[in-house]
Amino acid sequence: MAKEKREKDTVNIRAVGKFLRMPPDKVRIMARNVIGLQVQQALDLLRFSPNKSAALIYKVLHSASANASNNFEKNVDRMVVDKIFVDRGSMLKRYHPCAHGRAKPILKRTCHITVIINE
């Protein structure tokens, strides 16, 4: 019974953003800077960063902190960014006209961002 209580205390709180219009490798660069920081420090870092990827991660991290305070009644001041997963999403396939009647493919990549925060 004590083991079950410990598992309930260490709940991973997460939020997921799907099909975001940014290549995953560009988002991973910004995500590495945020892992291990407290939630408020990470939000401040992302808010004042000029990258588009920072704005996407900010939205998902803000959603995770709102989940922690509303759904799990946790204190956000003690929460830390535990993990950030940036996975590849589907690609929008477009074509650009080229010489001799050919067409070059243009792949517009998307990503899924999963943020896990913990105490």
PDB file of N, CA and C in Angstrom:
ATOM      1  N   MET A   1       0.814  -1.191   0.000  1.00  0.00           N
ATOM      2  CA  MET A   1       0.000   0.000   0.000  1.00  0.00           C
ATOM      3  C   MET A   1       0.861   1.261   0.000  1.00  0.00           C
ATOM      4  N   ALA A   2       1.979   1.206   0.706  1.00  0.00           N
ATOM      5  CA  ALA A   2       2.875   2.359   0.734  1.00  0.00           C
ATOM      6  C   ALA A   2       3.485   2.599  -0.642  1.00  0.00           C
ATOM      7  N   LYS A   3       3.730   1.516  -1.358  1.00  0.00           N
ATOM      8  CA  LYS A   3       4.301   1.645  -2.695  1.00  0.00           C
ATOM      9  C   LYS A   3       3.318   2.343  -3.637  1.00  0.00           C
ATOM     10  N   GLU A   4       2.030   2.011  -3.513  1.00  0.00           N
ATOM     11  CA  GLU A   4       1.021   2.656  -4.353  1.00  0.00           C
ATOM     12  C   GLU A   4       0.930   4.144  -4.053  1.00  0.00           C
ATOM     13  N   LYS A   5       1.080   4.517  -2.779  1.00  0.00           N
ATOM     14  CA  LYS A   5       1.012   5.926  -2.409  1.00  0.00           C
ATOM     15  C   LYS A   5       2.189   6.698  -2.992  1.00  0.00           C
ATOM     16  N   ARG A   6       3.389   6.082  -2.980  1.00  0.00           N
ATOM     17  CA  ARG A   6       4.570   6.739  -3.555  1.00  0.00           C
ATOM     18  C   ARG A   6       4.413   6.950  -5.049  1.00  0.00           C
ATOM     19  N   GLU A   7       3.820   5.979  -5.737  1.00  0.00           N
ATOM     20  CA  GLU A   7       3.621   6.121  -7.176  1.00  0.00           C
ATOM     21  C   GLU A   7       2.653   7.257  -7.492  1.00  0.00           C
ATOM     22  N   LYS A   8       1.652   7.449  -6.664  1.00  0.00           N
ATOM     23  CA  LYS A   8       0.704   8.537  -6.902  1.00  0.00           C
ATOM     24  C   LYS A   8       1.334   9.896  -6.623  1.00  0.00           C
ATOM     25  N   ASP A   9       2.289   9.952  -5.679  1.00  0.00           N
ATOM     26  CA  ASP A   9       2.932  11.219  -5.365  1.00  0.00           C
ATOM     27  C   ASP A   9       3.854  11.682  -6.486  1.00  0.00           C
ATOM     28  N   THR A  10       4.514  10.753  -7.161  1.00  0.00           N
ATOM     29  CA  THR A  10       5.438  11.119  -8.227  1.00  0.00           C
ATOM     30  C   THR A  10       4.750  10.980  -9.580  1.00  0.00           C
ATOM     31  N   VAL A  11       3.798  11.835  -9.829  1.00  0.00           N
ATOM     32  CA  VAL A  11       3.061  11.818 -11.087  1.00  0.00           C
ATOM     33  C   VAL A  11       3.798  12.677 -12.099  1.00  0.00           C
ATOM     34  N   ASN A  12       3.996  12.129 -13.287  1.00  0.00           N
ATOM     35  CA  ASN A  12       4.568  12.912 -14.372  1.00  0.00           C
ATOM     36  C   ASN A  12       3.444  13.699 -15.029  1.00  0.00           C
ATOM     37  N   ILE A  13       3.602  15.000 -15.061  1.00  0.00           N
ATOM     38  CA  ILE A  13       2.592  15.866 -15.660  1.00  0.00           C
ATOM     39  C   ILE A  13       3.084  16.227 -17.047  1.00  0.00           C
ATOM     40  N   ARG A  14       2.234  16.050 -18.039  1.00  0.00           N
ATOM     41  CA  ARG A  14       2.694  16.266 -19.400  1.00  0.00           C
ATOM     42  C   ARG A  14       1.679  17.036 -20.222  1.00  0.00           C
ATOM     43  N   ALA A  15       2.193  17.586 -21.301  1.00  0.00           N
ATOM     44  CA  ALA A  15       1.358  18.250 -22.295  1.00  0.00           C
ATOM     45  C   ALA A  15       1.961  17.939 -23.663  1.00  0.00           C
ATOM     46  N   VAL A  16       1.108  17.831 -24.663  1.00  0.00           N
ATOM     47  CA  VAL A  16       1.560  17.445 -25.998  1.00  0.00           C
ATOM     48  C   VAL A  16       1.039  18.459 -27.008  1.00  0.00           C
ATOM     49  N   GLY A  17       1.929  18.911 -27.885  1.00  0.00           N
ATOM     50  CA  GLY A  17       1.547  19.739 -29.022  1.00  0.00           C
ATOM     51  C   GLY A  17       1.797  18.939 -30.283  1.00  0.00           C
ATOM     52  N   LYS A  18       0.777  18.789 -31.116  1.00  0.00           N
ATOM     53  CA  LYS A  18       0.914  17.933 -32.295  1.00  0.00           C
ATOM     54  C   LYS A  18       0.787  18.736 -33.584  1.00  0.00           C
ATOM     55  N   PHE A  19       1.448  18.236 -34.607  1.00  0.00           N
ATOM     56  CA  PHE A  19       1.409  18.769 -35.961  1.00  0.00           C
ATOM     57  C   PHE A  19       1.792  20.249 -35.998  1.00  0.00           C
ATOM     58  N   LEU A  20       2.874  20.595 -35.315  1.00  0.00           N
ATOM     59  CA  LEU A  20       3.361  21.972 -35.292  1.00  0.00           C
ATOM     60  C   LEU A  20       4.269  22.191 -36.494  1.00  0.00           C
ATOM     61  N   ARG A  21       4.075  23.280 -37.202  1.00  0.00           N
ATOM     62  CA  ARG A  21       4.752  23.517 -38.482  1.00  0.00           C
ATOM     63  C   ARG A  21       6.177  24.028 -38.295  1.00  0.00           C
ATOM     64  N   MET A  22       7.051  23.126 -37.898  1.00  0.00           N
ATOM     65  CA  MET A  22       8.463  23.445 -37.729  1.00  0.00           C
ATOM     66  C   MET A  22       9.218  22.127 -37.806  1.00  0.00           C
ATOM     67  N   PRO A  23      10.363  22.088 -38.477  1.00  0.00           N
ATOM     68  CA  PRO A  23      11.127  20.840 -38.535  1.00  0.00           C
ATOM     69  C   PRO A  23      11.601  20.421 -37.139  1.00  0.00           C
ATOM     70  N   PRO A  24      11.566  19.129 -36.830  1.00  0.00           N
ATOM     71  CA  PRO A  24      11.919  18.691 -35.491  1.00  0.00           C
ATOM     72  C   PRO A  24      13.365  18.970 -35.108  1.00  0.00           C
ATOM     73  N   ASP A  25      14.283  18.952 -36.058  1.00  0.00           N
ATOM     74  CA  ASP A  25      15.682  19.205 -35.701  1.00  0.00           C
ATOM     75  C   ASP A  25      15.906  20.642 -35.249  1.00  0.00           C
ATOM     76  N   LYS A  26      15.143  21.589 -35.770  1.00  0.00           N
ATOM     77  CA  LYS A  26      15.263  22.974 -35.318  1.00  0.00           C
ATOM     78  C   LYS A  26      14.657  23.163 -33.931  1.00  0.00           C
ATOM     79  N   VAL A  27      13.599  22.408 -33.639  1.00  0.00           N
ATOM     80  CA  VAL A  27      12.957  22.523 -32.329  1.00  0.00           C
ATOM     81  C   VAL A  27      13.833  21.882 -31.258  1.00  0.00           C
ATOM     82  N   ARG A  28      14.521  20.776 -31.603  1.00  0.00           N
ATOM     83  CA  ARG A  28      15.376  20.087 -30.629  1.00  0.00           C
ATOM     84  C   ARG A  28      16.509  20.968 -30.123  1.00  0.00           C
ATOM     85  N   ILE A  29      17.005  21.880 -30.946  1.00  0.00           N
ATOM     86  CA  ILE A  29      18.087  22.777 -30.532  1.00  0.00           C
ATOM     87  C   ILE A  29      17.635  23.631 -29.355  1.00  0.00           C
ATOM     88  N   MET A  30      16.430  24.156 -29.433  1.00  0.00           N
ATOM     89  CA  MET A  30      15.916  24.993 -28.347  1.00  0.00           C
ATOM     90  C   MET A  30      15.486  24.149 -27.155  1.00  0.00           C
ATOM     91  N   ALA A  31      14.998  22.941 -27.411  1.00  0.00           N
ATOM     92  CA  ALA A  31      14.517  22.085 -26.323  1.00  0.00           C
ATOM     93  C   ALA A  31      15.661  21.666 -25.400  1.00  0.00           C
ATOM     94  N   ARG A  32      16.861  21.496 -25.939  1.00  0.00           N
ATOM     95  CA  ARG A  32      18.011  21.108 -25.113  1.00  0.00           C
ATOM     96  C   ARG A  32      18.357  22.167 -24.083  1.00  0.00           C
ATOM     97  N   ASN A  33      18.066  23.429 -24.375  1.00  0.00           N
ATOM     98  CA  ASN A  33      18.402  24.517 -23.455  1.00  0.00           C
ATOM     99  C   ASN A  33      17.474  24.571 -22.248  1.00  0.00           C
ATOM    100  N   VAL A  34      16.318  23.943 -22.338  1.00  0.00           N
ATOM    101  CA  VAL A  34      15.288  24.103 -21.317  1.00  0.00           C
ATOM    102  C   VAL A  34      15.271  22.941 -20.319  1.00  0.00           C
ATOM    103  N   ILE A  35      15.748  21.770 -20.724  1.00  0.00           N
ATOM    104  CA  ILE A  35      15.677  20.581 -19.873  1.00  0.00           C
ATOM    105  C   ILE A  35      16.491  20.810 -18.598  1.00  0.00           C
ATOM    106  N   GLY A  36      15.880  20.501 -17.456  1.00  0.00           N
ATOM    107  CA  GLY A  36      16.544  20.632 -16.167  1.00  0.00           C
ATOM    108  C   GLY A  36      16.297  21.941 -15.456  1.00  0.00           C
ATOM    109  N   LEU A  37      15.698  22.913 -16.124  1.00  0.00           N
ATOM    110  CA  LEU A  37      15.412  24.200 -15.494  1.00  0.00           C
ATOM    111  C   LEU A  37      14.084  24.127 -14.744  1.00  0.00           C
ATOM    112  N   GLN A  38      13.908  25.047 -13.800  1.00  0.00           N
ATOM    113  CA  GLN A  38      12.597  25.178 -13.174  1.00  0.00           C
ATOM    114  C   GLN A  38      11.629  25.741 -14.206  1.00  0.00           C
ATOM    115  N   VAL A  39      10.361  25.465 -14.012  1.00  0.00           N
ATOM    116  CA  VAL A  39       9.361  25.811 -15.022  1.00  0.00           C
ATOM    117  C   VAL A  39       9.323  27.316 -15.270  1.00  0.00           C
ATOM    118  N   GLN A  40       9.372  28.111 -14.211  1.00  0.00           N
ATOM    119  CA  GLN A  40       9.289  29.568 -14.393  1.00  0.00           C
ATOM    120  C   GLN A  40      10.524  30.108 -15.108  1.00  0.00           C
ATOM    121  N   GLN A  41      11.699  29.572 -14.792  1.00  0.00           N
ATOM    122  CA  GLN A  41      12.921  30.001 -15.491  1.00  0.00           C
ATOM    123  C   GLN A  41      12.857  29.614 -16.962  1.00  0.00           C
ATOM    124  N   ALA A  42      12.356  28.406 -17.237  1.00  0.00           N
ATOM    125  CA  ALA A  42      12.251  27.951 -18.622  1.00  0.00           C
ATOM    126  C   ALA A  42      11.262  28.808 -19.406  1.00  0.00           C
ATOM    127  N   LEU A  43      10.139  29.161 -18.784  1.00  0.00           N
ATOM    128  CA  LEU A  43       9.159  30.016 -19.465  1.00  0.00           C
ATOM    129  C   LEU A  43       9.753  31.393 -19.768  1.00  0.00           C
ATOM    130  N   ASP A  44      10.519  31.948 -18.821  1.00  0.00           N
ATOM    131  CA  ASP A  44      11.157  33.246 -19.060  1.00  0.00           C
ATOM    132  C   ASP A  44      12.174  33.166 -20.187  1.00  0.00           C
ATOM    133  N   LEU A  45      12.960  32.091 -20.207  1.00  0.00           N
ATOM    134  CA  LEU A  45      13.963  31.918 -21.259  1.00  0.00           C
ATOM    135  C   LEU A  45      13.295  31.810 -22.623  1.00  0.00           C
ATOM    136  N   LEU A  46      12.207  31.051 -22.684  1.00  0.00           N
ATOM    137  CA  LEU A  46      11.524  30.855 -23.965  1.00  0.00           C
ATOM    138  C   LEU A  46      10.767  32.099 -24.408  1.00  0.00           C
ATOM    139  N   ARG A  47      10.222  32.853 -23.465  1.00  0.00           N
ATOM    140  CA  ARG A  47       9.447  34.045 -23.816  1.00  0.00           C
ATOM    141  C   ARG A  47      10.314  35.096 -24.504  1.00  0.00           C
ATOM    142  N   PHE A  48      11.553  35.246 -24.054  1.00  0.00           N
ATOM    143  CA  PHE A  48      12.408  36.299 -24.594  1.00  0.00           C
ATOM    144  C   PHE A  48      13.378  35.803 -25.653  1.00  0.00           C
ATOM    145  N   SER A  49      13.232  34.579 -26.082  1.00  0.00           N
ATOM    146  CA  SER A  49      14.068  34.058 -27.158  1.00  0.00           C
ATOM    147  C   SER A  49      13.416  34.404 -28.499  1.00  0.00           C
ATOM    148  N   PRO A  50      14.197  34.806 -29.500  1.00  0.00           N
ATOM    149  CA  PRO A  50      13.609  35.250 -30.769  1.00  0.00           C
ATOM    150  C   PRO A  50      13.222  34.107 -31.715  1.00  0.00           C
ATOM    151  N   ASN A  51      13.487  32.859 -31.358  1.00  0.00           N
ATOM    152  CA  ASN A  51      13.219  31.749 -32.266  1.00  0.00           C
ATOM    153  C   ASN A  51      11.736  31.404 -32.321  1.00  0.00           C
ATOM    154  N   LYS A  52      11.300  30.928 -33.483  1.00  0.00           N
ATOM    155  CA  LYS A  52       9.926  30.450 -33.614  1.00  0.00           C
ATOM    156  C   LYS A  52       9.742  29.169 -32.805  1.00  0.00           C
ATOM    157  N   SER A  53      10.782  28.350 -32.753  1.00  0.00           N
ATOM    158  CA  SER A  53      10.691  27.106 -31.999  1.00  0.00           C
ATOM    159  C   SER A  53      10.509  27.379 -30.509  1.00  0.00           C
ATOM    160  N   ALA A  54      11.077  28.475 -30.006  1.00  0.00           N
ATOM    161  CA  ALA A  54      10.915  28.826 -28.597  1.00  0.00           C
ATOM    162  C   ALA A  54       9.452  29.147 -28.295  1.00  0.00           C
ATOM    163  N   ALA A  55       8.777  29.786 -29.232  1.00  0.00           N
ATOM    164  CA  ALA A  55       7.362  30.113 -29.034  1.00  0.00           C
ATOM    165  C   ALA A  55       6.510  28.842 -28.996  1.00  0.00           C
ATOM    166  N   LEU A  56       6.850  27.855 -29.824  1.00  0.00           N
ATOM    167  CA  LEU A  56       6.097  26.605 -29.831  1.00  0.00           C
ATOM    168  C   LEU A  56       6.300  25.837 -28.525  1.00  0.00           C
ATOM    169  N   ILE A  57       7.551  25.755 -28.062  1.00  0.00           N
ATOM    170  CA  ILE A  57       7.840  25.056 -26.814  1.00  0.00           C
ATOM    171  C   ILE A  57       7.213  25.797 -25.642  1.00  0.00           C
ATOM    172  N   TYR A  58       7.197  27.131 -25.697  1.00  0.00           N
ATOM    173  CA  TYR A  58       6.599  27.937 -24.639  1.00  0.00           C
ATOM    174  C   TYR A  58       5.122  27.579 -24.456  1.00  0.00           C
ATOM    175  N   LYS A  59       4.392  27.459 -25.567  1.00  0.00           N
ATOM    176  CA  LYS A  59       2.967  27.150 -25.483  1.00  0.00           C
ATOM    177  C   LYS A  59       2.725  25.789 -24.831  1.00  0.00           C
ATOM    178  N   VAL A  60       3.534  24.799 -25.210  1.00  0.00           N
ATOM    179  CA  VAL A  60       3.343  23.456 -24.668  1.00  0.00           C
ATOM    180  C   VAL A  60       3.750  23.415 -23.193  1.00  0.00           C
ATOM    181  N   LEU A  61       4.846  24.095 -22.838  1.00  0.00           N
ATOM    182  CA  LEU A  61       5.296  24.125 -21.447  1.00  0.00           C
ATOM    183  C   LEU A  61       4.300  24.878 -20.564  1.00  0.00           C
ATOM    184  N   HIS A  62       3.741  25.948 -21.082  1.00  0.00           N
ATOM    185  CA  HIS A  62       2.727  26.701 -20.342  1.00  0.00           C
ATOM    186  C   HIS A  62       1.485  25.835 -20.103  1.00  0.00           C
ATOM    187  N   SER A  63       1.123  25.034 -21.099  1.00  0.00           N
ATOM    188  CA  SER A  63      -0.003  24.119 -20.955  1.00  0.00           C
ATOM    189  C   SER A  63       0.287  23.054 -19.896  1.00  0.00           C
ATOM    190  N   ALA A  64       1.523  22.553 -19.862  1.00  0.00           N
ATOM    191  CA  ALA A  64       1.892  21.548 -18.855  1.00  0.00           C
ATOM    192  C   ALA A  64       1.845  22.132 -17.451  1.00  0.00           C
ATOM    193  N   SER A  65       2.289  23.374 -17.297  1.00  0.00           N
ATOM    194  CA  SER A  65       2.236  24.002 -15.973  1.00  0.00           C
ATOM    195  C   SER A  65       0.791  24.268 -15.552  1.00  0.00           C
ATOM    196  N   ALA A  66      -0.072  24.608 -16.504  1.00  0.00           N
ATOM    197  CA  ALA A  66      -1.490  24.791 -16.197  1.00  0.00           C
ATOM    198  C   ALA A  66      -2.131  23.461 -15.812  1.00  0.00           C
ATOM    199  N   ASN A  67      -1.719  22.369 -16.465  1.00  0.00           N
ATOM    200  CA  ASN A  67      -2.213  21.041 -16.094  1.00  0.00           C
ATOM    201  C   ASN A  67      -1.799  20.691 -14.671  1.00  0.00           C
ATOM    202  N   ALA A  68      -0.573  21.050 -14.300  1.00  0.00           N
ATOM    203  CA  ALA A  68      -0.076  20.743 -12.961  1.00  0.00           C
ATOM    204  C   ALA A  68      -0.870  21.472 -11.892  1.00  0.00           C
ATOM    205  N   SER A  69      -1.156  22.739 -12.131  1.00  0.00           N
ATOM    206  CA  SER A  69      -1.851  23.517 -11.098  1.00  0.00           C
ATOM    207  C   SER A  69      -3.346  23.219 -11.054  1.00  0.00           C
ATOM    208  N   ASN A  70      -3.981  23.012 -12.205  1.00  0.00           N
ATOM    209  CA  ASN A  70      -5.434  22.813 -12.222  1.00  0.00           C
ATOM    210  C   ASN A  70      -5.846  21.360 -11.999  1.00  0.00           C
ATOM    211  N   ASN A  71      -5.230  20.439 -12.728  1.00  0.00           N
ATOM    212  CA  ASN A  71      -5.669  19.045 -12.667  1.00  0.00           C
ATOM    213  C   ASN A  71      -5.086  18.286 -11.481  1.00  0.00           C
ATOM    214  N   PHE A  72      -3.816  18.563 -11.143  1.00  0.00           N
ATOM    215  CA  PHE A  72      -3.141  17.794 -10.108  1.00  0.00           C
ATOM    216  C   PHE A  72      -2.924  18.584  -8.819  1.00  0.00           C
ATOM    217  N   GLU A  73      -3.293  19.865  -8.814  1.00  0.00           N
ATOM    218  CA  GLU A  73      -3.167  20.741  -7.649  1.00  0.00           C
ATOM    219  C   GLU A  73      -1.738  20.749  -7.094  1.00  0.00           C
ATOM    220  N   LYS A  74      -0.783  20.870  -7.982  1.00  0.00           N
ATOM    221  CA  LYS A  74       0.638  20.925  -7.609  1.00  0.00           C
ATOM    222  C   LYS A  74       1.094  22.373  -7.589  1.00  0.00           C
ATOM    223  N   ASN A  75       2.159  22.627  -6.832  1.00  0.00           N
ATOM    224  CA  ASN A  75       2.768  23.952  -6.777  1.00  0.00           C
ATOM    225  C   ASN A  75       3.743  24.082  -7.938  1.00  0.00           C
ATOM    226  N   VAL A  76       3.480  24.997  -8.835  1.00  0.00           N
ATOM    227  CA  VAL A  76       4.281  25.135 -10.051  1.00  0.00           C
ATOM    228  C   VAL A  76       5.675  25.686  -9.735  1.00  0.00           C
ATOM    229  N   ASP A  77       5.825  26.386  -8.609  1.00  0.00           N
ATOM    230  CA  ASP A  77       7.130  26.965  -8.272  1.00  0.00           C
ATOM    231  C   ASP A  77       8.182  25.901  -8.009  1.00  0.00           C
ATOM    232  N   ARG A  78       7.753  24.700  -7.606  1.00  0.00           N
ATOM    233  CA  ARG A  78       8.710  23.634  -7.322  1.00  0.00           C
ATOM    234  C   ARG A  78       8.867  22.658  -8.480  1.00  0.00           C
ATOM    235  N   MET A  79       8.185  22.886  -9.587  1.00  0.00           N
ATOM    236  CA  MET A  79       8.234  21.961 -10.723  1.00  0.00           C
ATOM    237  C   MET A  79       9.465  22.219 -11.582  1.00  0.00           C
ATOM    238  N   VAL A  80      10.001  21.132 -12.153  1.00  0.00           N
ATOM    239  CA  VAL A  80      11.197  21.179 -12.991  1.00  0.00           C
ATOM    240  C   VAL A  80      10.866  20.510 -14.322  1.00  0.00           C
ATOM    241  N   VAL A  81      11.419  21.039 -15.407  1.00  0.00           N
ATOM    242  CA  VAL A  81      11.239  20.423 -16.724  1.00  0.00           C
ATOM    243  C   VAL A  81      12.064  19.143 -16.734  1.00  0.00           C
ATOM    244  N   ASP A  82      11.383  18.005 -16.759  1.00  0.00           N
ATOM    245  CA  ASP A  82      12.058  16.717 -16.662  1.00  0.00           C
ATOM    246  C   ASP A  82      12.536  16.246 -18.035  1.00  0.00           C
ATOM    247  N   LYS A  83      11.624  16.173 -18.986  1.00  0.00           N
ATOM    248  CA  LYS A  83      11.966  15.679 -20.325  1.00  0.00           C
ATOM    249  C   LYS A  83      11.193  16.460 -21.376  1.00  0.00           C
ATOM    250  N   ILE A  84      11.801  16.568 -22.545  1.00  0.00           N
ATOM    251  CA  ILE A  84      11.105  17.125 -23.711  1.00  0.00           C
ATOM    252  C   ILE A  84      11.399  16.197 -24.883  1.00  0.00           C
ATOM    253  N   PHE A  85      10.350  15.660 -25.462  1.00  0.00           N
ATOM    254  CA  PHE A  85      10.493  14.817 -26.641  1.00  0.00           C
ATOM    255  C   PHE A  85      10.009  15.603 -27.849  1.00  0.00           C
ATOM    256  N   VAL A  86      10.810  15.607 -28.903  1.00  0.00           N
ATOM    257  CA  VAL A  86      10.413  16.247 -30.158  1.00  0.00           C
ATOM    258  C   VAL A  86      10.450  15.157 -31.224  1.00  0.00           C
ATOM    259  N   ASP A  87       9.279  14.728 -31.646  1.00  0.00           N
ATOM    260  CA  ASP A  87       9.157  13.648 -32.613  1.00  0.00           C
ATOM    261  C   ASP A  87       8.734  14.188 -33.967  1.00  0.00           C
ATOM    262  N   ARG A  88       9.020  13.413 -34.994  1.00  0.00           N
ATOM    263  CA  ARG A  88       8.680  13.811 -36.351  1.00  0.00           C
ATOM    264  C   ARG A  88       7.201  13.580 -36.605  1.00  0.00           C
ATOM    265  N   GLY A  89       6.560  14.560 -37.225  1.00  0.00           N
ATOM    266  CA  GLY A  89       5.158  14.440 -37.595  1.00  0.00           C
ATOM    267  C   GLY A  89       5.038  14.164 -39.088  1.00  0.00           C
ATOM    268  N   SER A  90       3.853  14.307 -39.598  1.00  0.00           N
ATOM    269  CA  SER A  90       3.642  14.090 -41.025  1.00  0.00           C
ATOM    270  C   SER A  90       4.203  15.266 -41.816  1.00  0.00           C
ATOM    271  N   MET A  91       4.422  15.045 -43.107  1.00  0.00           N
ATOM    272  CA  MET A  91       4.981  16.083 -43.965  1.00  0.00           C
ATOM    273  C   MET A  91       3.931  16.550 -44.969  1.00  0.00           C
ATOM    274  N   LEU A  92       3.895  17.856 -45.183  1.00  0.00           N
ATOM    275  CA  LEU A  92       3.071  18.410 -46.248  1.00  0.00           C
ATOM    276  C   LEU A  92       3.912  18.377 -47.517  1.00  0.00           C
ATOM    277  N   LYS A  93       3.411  17.751 -48.565  1.00  0.00           N
ATOM    278  CA  LYS A  93       4.195  17.591 -49.785  1.00  0.00           C
ATOM    279  C   LYS A  93       3.706  18.566 -50.839  1.00  0.00           C
ATOM    280  N   ARG A  94       4.596  19.433 -51.265  1.00  0.00           N
ATOM    281  CA  ARG A  94       4.310  20.419 -52.292  1.00  0.00           C
ATOM    282  C   ARG A  94       5.326  20.236 -53.418  1.00  0.00           C
ATOM    283  N   TYR A  95       5.047  20.825 -54.572  1.00  0.00           N
ATOM    284  CA  TYR A  95       5.954  20.698 -55.710  1.00  0.00           C
ATOM    285  C   TYR A  95       6.235  22.061 -56.311  1.00  0.00           C
ATOM    286  N   HIS A  96       7.474  22.231 -56.736  1.00  0.00           N
ATOM    287  CA  HIS A  96       7.937  23.483 -57.320  1.00  0.00           C
ATOM    288  C   HIS A  96       8.307  23.219 -58.771  1.00  0.00           C
ATOM    289  N   PRO A  97       7.814  24.022 -59.712  1.00  0.00           N
ATOM    290  CA  PRO A  97       8.160  23.781 -61.116  1.00  0.00           C
ATOM    291  C   PRO A  97       9.647  24.004 -61.367  1.00  0.00           C
ATOM    292  N   CYS A  98      10.189  23.194 -62.241  1.00  0.00           N
ATOM    293  CA  CYS A  98      11.621  23.200 -62.504  1.00  0.00           C
ATOM    294  C   CYS A  98      11.831  23.184 -64.024  1.00  0.00           C
ATOM    295  N   ALA A  99      13.053  23.191 -64.443  1.00  0.00           N
ATOM    296  CA  ALA A  99      13.378  23.236 -65.869  1.00  0.00           C
ATOM    297  C   ALA A  99      12.943  21.952 -66.579  1.00  0.00           C
ATOM    298  N   HIS A 100      12.688  22.073 -67.866  1.00  0.00           N
ATOM    299  CA  HIS A 100      12.326  20.954 -68.749  1.00  0.00           C
ATOM    300  C   HIS A 100      11.039  20.265 -68.311  1.00  0.00           C
ATOM    301  N   GLY A 101      10.119  21.009 -67.700  1.00  0.00           N
ATOM    302  CA  GLY A 101       8.821  20.453 -67.343  1.00  0.00           C
ATOM    303  C   GLY A 101       8.827  19.543 -66.131  1.00  0.00           C
ATOM    304  N   ARG A 102       9.902  19.551 -65.386  1.00  0.00           N
ATOM    305  CA  ARG A 102       9.982  18.699 -64.194  1.00  0.00           C
ATOM    306  C   ARG A 102       9.408  19.432 -62.987  1.00  0.00           C
ATOM    307  N   ALA A 103       9.303  18.691 -61.907  1.00  0.00           N
ATOM    308  CA  ALA A 103       8.828  19.271 -60.655  1.00  0.00           C
ATOM    309  C   ALA A 103       9.716  18.794 -59.520  1.00  0.00           C
ATOM    310  N   LYS A 104      10.146  19.733 -58.678  1.00  0.00           N
ATOM    311  CA  LYS A 104      10.949  19.390 -57.501  1.00  0.00           C
ATOM    312  C   LYS A 104      10.024  19.280 -56.299  1.00  0.00           C
ATOM    313  N   PRO A 105      10.209  18.239 -55.496  1.00  0.00           N
ATOM    314  CA  PRO A 105       9.370  18.139 -54.293  1.00  0.00           C
ATOM    315  C   PRO A 105       9.841  19.089 -53.199  1.00  0.00           C
ATOM    316  N   ILE A 106       8.887  19.655 -52.484  1.00  0.00           N
ATOM    317  CA  ILE A 106       9.165  20.469 -51.302  1.00  0.00           C
ATOM    318  C   ILE A 106       8.458  19.786 -50.138  1.00  0.00           C
ATOM    319  N   LEU A 107       9.223  19.423 -49.108  1.00  0.00           N
ATOM    320  CA  LEU A 107       8.665  18.743 -47.950  1.00  0.00           C
ATOM    321  C   LEU A 107       8.573  19.726 -46.797  1.00  0.00           C
ATOM    322  N   LYS A 108       7.362  20.060 -46.406  1.00  0.00           N
ATOM    323  CA  LYS A 108       7.154  20.960 -45.275  1.00  0.00           C
ATOM    324  C   LYS A 108       6.931  20.091 -44.047  1.00  0.00           C
ATOM    325  N   ARG A 109       7.919  20.087 -43.170  1.00  0.00           N
ATOM    326  CA  ARG A 109       7.927  19.147 -42.055  1.00  0.00           C
ATOM    327  C   ARG A 109       7.145  19.671 -40.852  1.00  0.00           C
ATOM    328  N   THR A 110       6.591  18.740 -40.090  1.00  0.00           N
ATOM    329  CA  THR A 110       5.892  19.064 -38.849  1.00  0.00           C
ATOM    330  C   THR A 110       6.500  18.238 -37.724  1.00  0.00           C
ATOM    331  N   CYS A 111       6.161  18.611 -36.479  1.00  0.00           N
ATOM    332  CA  CYS A 111       6.694  17.880 -35.334  1.00  0.00           C
ATOM    333  C   CYS A 111       5.646  17.793 -34.235  1.00  0.00           C
ATOM    334  N   HIS A 112       5.886  16.848 -33.323  1.00  0.00           N
ATOM    335  CA  HIS A 112       5.081  16.692 -32.122  1.00  0.00           C
ATOM    336  C   HIS A 112       5.995  16.972 -30.931  1.00  0.00           C
ATOM    337  N   ILE A 113       5.583  17.858 -30.034  1.00  0.00           N
ATOM    338  CA  ILE A 113       6.375  18.199 -28.854  1.00  0.00           C
ATOM    339  C   ILE A 113       5.659  17.669 -27.617  1.00  0.00           C
ATOM    340  N   THR A 114       6.365  16.881 -26.806  1.00  0.00           N
ATOM    341  CA  THR A 114       5.844  16.374 -25.546  1.00  0.00           C
ATOM    342  C   THR A 114       6.724  16.912 -24.432  1.00  0.00           C
ATOM    343  N   VAL A 115       6.113  17.606 -23.477  1.00  0.00           N
ATOM    344  CA  VAL A 115       6.846  18.169 -22.331  1.00  0.00           C
ATOM    345  C   VAL A 115       6.373  17.448 -21.075  1.00  0.00           C
ATOM    346  N   ILE A 116       7.339  16.938 -20.283  1.00  0.00           N
ATOM    347  CA  ILE A 116       7.034  16.270 -19.028  1.00  0.00           C
ATOM    348  C   ILE A 116       7.692  17.067 -17.908  1.00  0.00           C
ATOM    349  N   ILE A 117       6.883  17.491 -16.939  1.00  0.00           N
ATOM    350  CA  ILE A 117       7.422  18.217 -15.783  1.00  0.00           C
ATOM    351  C   ILE A 117       7.195  17.375 -14.533  1.00  0.00           C
ATOM    352  N   ASN A 118       8.072  17.571 -13.552  1.00  0.00           N
ATOM    353  CA  ASN A 118       8.070  16.752 -12.363  1.00  0.00           C
ATOM    354  C   ASN A 118       8.526  17.585 -11.190  1.00  0.00           C
ATOM    355  N   GLU A 119       8.282  17.115  -9.986  1.00  0.00           N
ATOM    356  CA  GLU A 119       8.744  17.829  -8.797  1.00  0.00           C
ATOM    357  C   GLU A 119      10.152  17.397  -8.454  1.00  0.00           C
TER     358      GLU A 119
END
